[in-house]
Amino acid sequence: MIADLLIQGVQMALVLLLAPLLTGFTRKAKARLLMRRGPPLLQPYRDLWRLLRKEAVLADNASWLFRVIPYLVFAATWVAAALIPTFATGLTFSWTADLIAIVALLGSARFFLALAAMDIGTSFGGIGASREMMIATLAEPAMLLTVFTLALVAGSTQLSTVAAFMSSGTVGLRVSLGMAMVALIMVAIAENARIPVDNPATHLELTMVHEAMVLEYSGRHLAMIELAAMLKLLLYMSLIACVFTPWSLAPTGSGVRAYLAGGVLYVGKLAVGGFLLVLFETSIAKMRVFRVPDFLGAALMLSLLGALLLFVSRSL
């Protein structure tokens, strides 16, 4: 029992430690592809430490929600990221690693962040919150339809069960799973405010979504929000790796060698996913804000077609 709790704690600490490193890797790789030197890999850790040491500046009309919400957003995102199997399945809290629960945690974090953006009453906060809700109205249904497709295939929404089924030889190549994977990748790009939906490296008021909601935060509050954003990027990459590339996940009761091998391959999956994300971002331009519903509408249609195709094929 103590060993199981220790392994679960290792997974929770692993996602927390790797999230800034993944962000630093994507920034470095993107700079290299653009023929620039770029920031060091460990720069996100330094930025977070610098923000934690600074004093938080609050507006005069800020309520208690404005001060509490950064910690709520960080806690919800960290719990959701820690529930996804990274290097092992069947851990102590694996029974809570349900896809619907993860979607609910992410939706709660989004709601609280939008609420904090409107709490101060600035125009940028209202614009960012409205755009975030516009994205959520299409991203969440697409995510839920993807979950429905995976549940029809694996017979469960529990991630350890889904990973075990996807790693077996009975899955094969399915068009519905391909559609679900593409839809999940499109949702991940939109949810993490990446190109072509949003540019995380700019503060242009006319186009930014996520940055507009956090302009009034500073100090430790901004550090919590930035760390939550890094965890969210790692969460979606871990989810895609767990569902569609579940190789090397150590089963329940494995030895230390299996856990180490799973951890090393998990880091490799994150590196490959980060590089593919950067390669995609450097090969496409940012779209206009009013084209985002078309982008997410395509993801919604792909997930819907995948679910319908699988549902019809199973009923024949």
Protein backbone atom coordinates (compact mmCIF):
# COMPACT_ATOMS: atom_id res chain seq x y z
CA MET A 1 0.00 0.00 0.00
CA ILE A 2 2.80 2.42 0.86
CA ALA A 3 4.61 1.53 -2.37
CA ASP A 4 1.45 2.21 -4.41
CA LEU A 5 0.99 5.59 -2.75
CA LEU A 6 4.65 6.38 -3.39
CA ILE A 7 4.32 5.60 -7.09
CA GLN A 8 1.18 7.72 -7.28
CA GLY A 9 3.05 10.57 -5.61
CA VAL A 10 5.90 10.17 -8.10
CA GLN A 11 3.45 10.56 -10.98
CA MET A 12 1.94 13.70 -9.43
CA ALA A 13 5.37 15.21 -8.91
CA LEU A 14 6.51 14.13 -12.39
CA VAL A 15 3.82 16.03 -14.26
CA LEU A 16 4.44 19.10 -12.09
CA LEU A 17 8.18 19.06 -12.78
CA LEU A 18 7.97 18.24 -16.49
CA ALA A 19 5.36 20.87 -17.40
CA PRO A 20 7.77 23.86 -17.39
CA LEU A 21 10.40 21.76 -19.14
CA LEU A 22 7.96 20.91 -21.94
CA THR A 23 7.14 24.59 -22.38
CA GLY A 24 10.84 25.45 -22.45
CA PHE A 25 11.47 22.72 -25.01
CA THR A 26 8.75 23.98 -27.35
CA ARG A 27 10.06 27.55 -27.12
CA LYS A 28 13.62 26.42 -27.79
CA ALA A 29 12.66 24.16 -30.69
CA LYS A 30 10.51 26.88 -32.25
CA ALA A 31 13.35 29.38 -32.01
CA ARG A 32 15.75 26.91 -33.61
CA LEU A 33 13.37 26.26 -36.50
CA LEU A 34 13.16 30.03 -37.02
CA MET A 35 16.98 30.26 -37.06
CA ARG A 36 17.17 32.00 -33.69
CA ARG A 37 19.02 31.08 -30.50
CA GLY A 38 15.97 31.13 -28.28
CA PRO A 39 15.68 31.05 -24.47
CA PRO A 40 17.32 28.32 -22.37
CA LEU A 41 15.39 25.12 -21.66
CA LEU A 42 15.17 25.96 -17.96
CA GLN A 43 13.92 29.52 -18.49
CA PRO A 44 10.31 28.68 -17.48
CA TYR A 45 11.54 27.51 -14.07
CA ARG A 46 13.39 30.80 -13.61
CA ASP A 47 10.34 32.80 -14.68
CA LEU A 48 8.11 30.97 -12.21
CA TRP A 49 10.61 31.44 -9.38
CA ARG A 50 10.93 35.14 -10.20
CA LEU A 51 7.14 35.57 -10.15
CA LEU A 52 6.81 33.71 -6.87
CA ARG A 53 9.27 36.09 -5.23
CA LYS A 54 7.45 39.21 -6.45
CA GLU A 55 4.67 40.92 -4.58
CA ALA A 56 1.17 40.51 -5.99
CA VAL A 57 -0.41 43.79 -7.05
CA LEU A 58 -4.21 43.86 -6.76
CA ALA A 59 -6.74 46.30 -8.13
CA ASP A 60 -8.79 48.33 -5.68
CA ASN A 61 -12.05 46.72 -6.77
CA ALA A 62 -10.71 43.14 -6.79
CA SER A 63 -12.85 40.75 -4.78
CA TRP A 64 -11.77 37.66 -2.86
CA LEU A 65 -12.51 35.59 -5.97
CA PHE A 66 -9.73 37.35 -7.85
CA ARG A 67 -7.22 36.26 -5.20
CA VAL A 68 -8.48 32.68 -4.77
CA ILE A 69 -9.13 31.68 -8.38
CA PRO A 70 -5.43 31.28 -9.44
CA TYR A 71 -5.01 28.56 -6.81
CA LEU A 72 -8.28 26.91 -7.84
CA VAL A 73 -7.27 26.89 -11.50
CA PHE A 74 -3.85 25.46 -10.65
CA ALA A 75 -5.29 22.78 -8.36
CA ALA A 76 -7.94 21.63 -10.86
CA THR A 77 -5.43 21.47 -13.72
CA TRP A 78 -2.82 19.66 -11.63
CA VAL A 79 -5.32 17.06 -10.45
CA ALA A 80 -6.54 16.48 -14.02
CA ALA A 81 -2.97 16.14 -15.32
CA ALA A 82 -1.97 13.81 -12.47
CA LEU A 83 -4.93 11.48 -13.10
CA ILE A 84 -3.79 10.60 -16.63
CA PRO A 85 -1.54 7.51 -16.71
CA THR A 86 1.93 8.64 -17.74
CA PHE A 87 4.34 5.76 -17.15
CA ALA A 88 2.06 3.21 -15.41
CA THR A 89 -1.56 2.13 -15.23
CA GLY A 90 -3.63 0.83 -12.36
CA LEU A 91 -2.22 3.23 -9.77
CA THR A 92 -3.91 3.98 -6.45
CA PHE A 93 -6.12 6.77 -7.79
CA SER A 94 -6.57 5.27 -11.26
CA TRP A 95 -10.25 4.60 -10.54
CA THR A 96 -10.76 8.38 -10.59
CA ALA A 97 -8.94 8.79 -13.93
CA ASP A 98 -12.15 9.05 -15.91
CA LEU A 99 -12.28 11.01 -19.15
CA ILE A 100 -15.54 12.72 -18.21
CA ALA A 101 -14.08 13.75 -14.84
CA ILE A 102 -11.03 15.24 -16.60
CA VAL A 103 -13.27 17.23 -18.97
CA ALA A 104 -15.24 18.47 -15.96
CA LEU A 105 -12.08 19.59 -14.15
CA LEU A 106 -10.85 21.48 -17.19
CA GLY A 107 -14.25 23.07 -17.67
CA SER A 108 -14.30 24.19 -14.03
CA ALA A 109 -10.85 25.75 -14.36
CA ARG A 110 -11.94 27.59 -17.51
CA PHE A 111 -15.09 28.88 -15.81
CA PHE A 112 -13.20 30.22 -12.80
CA LEU A 113 -10.56 31.89 -14.96
CA ALA A 114 -13.19 33.62 -17.08
CA LEU A 115 -14.95 34.71 -13.89
CA ALA A 116 -11.73 36.22 -12.58
CA ALA A 117 -11.17 38.03 -15.89
CA MET A 118 -14.55 39.77 -15.52
CA ASP A 119 -14.14 40.46 -11.80
CA ILE A 120 -11.98 43.58 -12.28
CA GLY A 121 -14.24 45.02 -14.97
CA THR A 122 -11.58 45.85 -17.58
CA SER A 123 -12.37 45.70 -21.27
CA PHE A 124 -9.54 43.28 -22.05
CA GLY A 125 -10.71 40.85 -19.39
CA GLY A 126 -14.24 40.87 -20.76
CA ILE A 127 -13.02 40.37 -24.33
CA GLY A 128 -10.77 37.48 -23.31
CA ALA A 129 -13.50 35.82 -21.24
CA SER A 130 -16.05 36.07 -24.06
CA ARG A 131 -13.60 34.61 -26.57
CA GLU A 132 -12.69 31.82 -24.16
CA MET A 133 -16.36 30.91 -23.75
CA MET A 134 -16.83 31.01 -27.52
CA ILE A 135 -14.02 28.49 -27.89
CA ALA A 136 -15.40 26.36 -25.06
CA THR A 137 -18.86 26.07 -26.66
CA LEU A 138 -17.32 24.10 -29.54
CA ALA A 139 -14.26 22.54 -27.88
CA GLU A 140 -16.12 20.83 -25.04
CA PRO A 141 -18.73 19.09 -27.26
CA ALA A 142 -15.96 17.90 -29.57
CA MET A 143 -14.04 16.60 -26.56
CA LEU A 144 -17.10 14.80 -25.19
CA LEU A 145 -17.86 13.21 -28.56
CA THR A 146 -14.27 12.00 -28.70
CA VAL A 147 -14.74 10.51 -25.24
CA PHE A 148 -17.95 8.84 -26.48
CA THR A 149 -16.05 7.31 -29.42
CA LEU A 150 -13.34 5.94 -27.14
CA ALA A 151 -15.98 4.60 -24.76
CA LEU A 152 -17.68 2.74 -27.60
CA VAL A 153 -14.37 1.19 -28.63
CA ALA A 154 -12.96 0.28 -25.21
CA GLY A 155 -16.23 -0.17 -23.35
CA SER A 156 -15.20 2.29 -20.62
CA THR A 157 -14.25 5.90 -20.00
CA GLN A 158 -11.64 4.92 -17.40
CA LEU A 159 -8.21 5.75 -18.81
CA SER A 160 -6.39 2.67 -17.53
CA THR A 161 -9.00 0.45 -19.20
CA VAL A 162 -8.85 2.48 -22.41
CA ALA A 163 -5.03 2.32 -22.48
CA ALA A 164 -5.02 -1.43 -21.83
CA PHE A 165 -7.52 -2.02 -24.64
CA MET A 166 -5.72 0.25 -27.11
CA SER A 167 -2.42 -1.51 -26.44
CA SER A 168 -3.93 -4.91 -27.16
CA GLY A 169 -3.87 -6.45 -30.61
CA THR A 170 -7.65 -6.46 -30.99
CA VAL A 171 -8.01 -2.79 -31.91
CA GLY A 172 -6.59 -2.66 -35.42
CA LEU A 173 -6.90 0.33 -37.75
CA ARG A 174 -10.23 2.13 -37.43
CA VAL A 175 -11.35 5.22 -39.29
CA SER A 176 -13.40 6.36 -36.29
CA LEU A 177 -10.33 6.34 -34.05
CA GLY A 178 -8.40 8.34 -36.64
CA MET A 179 -11.15 10.95 -36.72
CA ALA A 180 -11.23 11.04 -32.92
CA MET A 181 -7.47 11.54 -32.76
CA VAL A 182 -7.50 14.42 -35.25
CA ALA A 183 -10.42 16.02 -33.39
CA LEU A 184 -8.61 15.67 -30.06
CA ILE A 185 -5.47 17.27 -31.49
CA MET A 186 -7.49 20.21 -32.83
CA VAL A 187 -9.19 20.64 -29.46
CA ALA A 188 -5.81 20.51 -27.71
CA ILE A 189 -4.46 23.27 -29.96
CA ALA A 190 -7.46 25.48 -29.24
CA GLU A 191 -7.55 24.78 -25.51
CA ASN A 192 -3.87 25.64 -25.12
CA ALA A 193 -4.16 28.87 -27.13
CA ARG A 194 -1.64 27.76 -29.72
CA ILE A 195 -1.29 28.78 -33.36
CA PRO A 196 -3.50 28.99 -35.47
CA VAL A 197 -6.11 29.73 -32.76
CA ASP A 198 -3.97 32.05 -30.62
CA ASN A 199 -0.33 33.06 -30.36
CA PRO A 200 1.09 32.51 -26.85
CA ALA A 201 4.07 34.75 -27.59
CA THR A 202 2.14 37.95 -28.30
CA HIS A 203 0.18 40.52 -26.31
CA LEU A 204 -1.72 42.08 -29.20
CA GLU A 205 -5.04 43.05 -27.68
CA LEU A 206 -7.06 42.54 -30.87
CA THR A 207 -6.22 38.85 -31.17
CA MET A 208 -5.18 37.41 -27.82
CA VAL A 209 -7.51 35.13 -25.85
CA HIS A 210 -5.75 33.60 -22.86
CA GLU A 211 -3.39 36.50 -22.24
CA ALA A 212 -6.29 38.96 -22.16
CA MET A 213 -7.77 37.18 -19.15
CA VAL A 214 -4.59 37.28 -17.06
CA LEU A 215 -3.34 40.82 -17.79
CA GLU A 216 -4.31 42.04 -14.31
CA TYR A 217 -2.48 39.27 -12.46
CA SER A 218 1.05 39.56 -11.10
CA GLY A 219 3.41 37.93 -8.64
CA ARG A 220 2.49 34.55 -7.16
CA HIS A 221 -1.00 34.70 -8.68
CA LEU A 222 0.43 34.98 -12.18
CA ALA A 223 2.89 32.18 -11.38
CA MET A 224 -0.01 29.85 -10.49
CA ILE A 225 -1.83 30.69 -13.71
CA GLU A 226 1.29 30.28 -15.86
CA LEU A 227 2.08 26.94 -14.23
CA ALA A 228 -1.52 25.83 -14.79
CA ALA A 229 -1.20 26.71 -18.49
CA MET A 230 2.01 24.66 -18.71
CA LEU A 231 0.28 21.75 -16.97
CA LYS A 232 -2.61 21.98 -19.41
CA LEU A 233 -0.28 21.59 -22.40
CA LEU A 234 1.34 18.57 -20.77
CA LEU A 235 -2.11 17.20 -19.89
CA TYR A 236 -3.29 17.08 -23.49
CA MET A 237 -0.05 15.59 -24.73
CA SER A 238 -0.21 12.97 -21.99
CA LEU A 239 -3.83 12.22 -22.89
CA ILE A 240 -3.02 11.73 -26.58
CA ALA A 241 -0.02 9.57 -25.69
CA CYS A 242 -2.04 7.49 -23.19
CA VAL A 243 -4.94 6.82 -25.56
CA PHE A 244 -3.35 6.56 -29.00
CA THR A 245 0.25 5.51 -28.17
CA PRO A 246 -0.14 3.53 -24.93
CA TRP A 247 3.04 1.54 -25.40
CA SER A 248 5.45 1.07 -22.52
CA LEU A 249 2.84 1.80 -19.85
CA ALA A 250 3.79 -0.41 -16.92
CA PRO A 251 0.87 -2.56 -15.67
CA THR A 252 -0.14 -2.94 -12.05
CA GLY A 253 2.46 -4.60 -9.84
CA SER A 254 5.41 -4.05 -12.18
CA GLY A 255 8.95 -3.74 -10.96
CA VAL A 256 11.15 -0.69 -10.73
CA ARG A 257 12.73 -1.40 -14.11
CA ALA A 258 9.35 -1.35 -15.85
CA TYR A 259 8.44 1.92 -14.17
CA LEU A 260 11.76 3.49 -15.17
CA ALA A 261 11.37 2.32 -18.76
CA GLY A 262 7.85 3.72 -18.86
CA GLY A 263 9.06 7.04 -17.47
CA VAL A 264 11.87 7.34 -20.01
CA LEU A 265 9.57 6.54 -22.92
CA TYR A 266 6.99 8.96 -21.57
CA VAL A 267 9.55 11.76 -21.67
CA GLY A 268 10.38 10.70 -25.22
CA LYS A 269 6.70 10.88 -26.21
CA LEU A 270 6.49 14.40 -24.78
CA ALA A 271 9.58 15.43 -26.75
CA VAL A 272 8.17 14.04 -30.00
CA GLY A 273 4.79 15.64 -29.36
CA GLY A 274 6.37 19.00 -28.53
CA PHE A 275 8.48 18.93 -31.68
CA LEU A 276 5.49 18.04 -33.87
CA LEU A 277 3.51 20.89 -32.29
CA VAL A 278 6.31 23.35 -33.00
CA LEU A 279 6.70 22.05 -36.55
CA PHE A 280 2.99 22.58 -37.15
CA GLU A 281 3.06 26.09 -35.66
CA THR A 282 5.97 27.21 -37.80
CA SER A 283 4.32 25.94 -40.98
CA ILE A 284 0.95 27.71 -40.56
CA ALA A 285 -0.19 31.26 -39.95
CA LYS A 286 -2.50 32.44 -37.22
CA MET A 287 -6.11 32.69 -38.29
CA ARG A 288 -8.49 35.51 -37.50
CA VAL A 289 -10.54 35.25 -34.33
CA PHE A 290 -13.77 34.92 -36.28
CA ARG A 291 -12.37 31.90 -38.14
CA VAL A 292 -11.85 29.96 -34.90
CA PRO A 293 -15.46 28.61 -34.87
CA ASP A 294 -14.81 27.12 -38.31
CA PHE A 295 -11.67 25.41 -37.02
CA LEU A 296 -13.41 23.99 -33.97
CA GLY A 297 -16.53 23.21 -36.00
CA ALA A 298 -14.37 20.92 -38.14
CA ALA A 299 -13.15 19.20 -34.96
CA LEU A 300 -16.75 18.82 -33.78
CA MET A 301 -17.83 17.30 -37.10
CA LEU A 302 -14.87 14.91 -37.13
CA SER A 303 -15.63 13.68 -33.63
CA LEU A 304 -19.34 13.39 -34.46
CA LEU A 305 -18.66 11.45 -37.66
CA GLY A 306 -16.26 9.17 -35.81
CA ALA A 307 -18.84 8.42 -33.13
CA LEU A 308 -21.65 7.89 -35.66
CA LEU A 309 -19.49 5.68 -37.86
CA LEU A 310 -18.52 3.52 -34.92
CA PHE A 311 -22.06 3.41 -33.55
CA VAL A 312 -23.53 2.40 -36.93
CA SER A 313 -20.85 -0.22 -37.57
CA ARG A 314 -21.45 -1.79 -34.16
CA SER A 315 -25.21 -1.93 -34.68
CA LEU A 316 -25.00 -3.78 -38.03
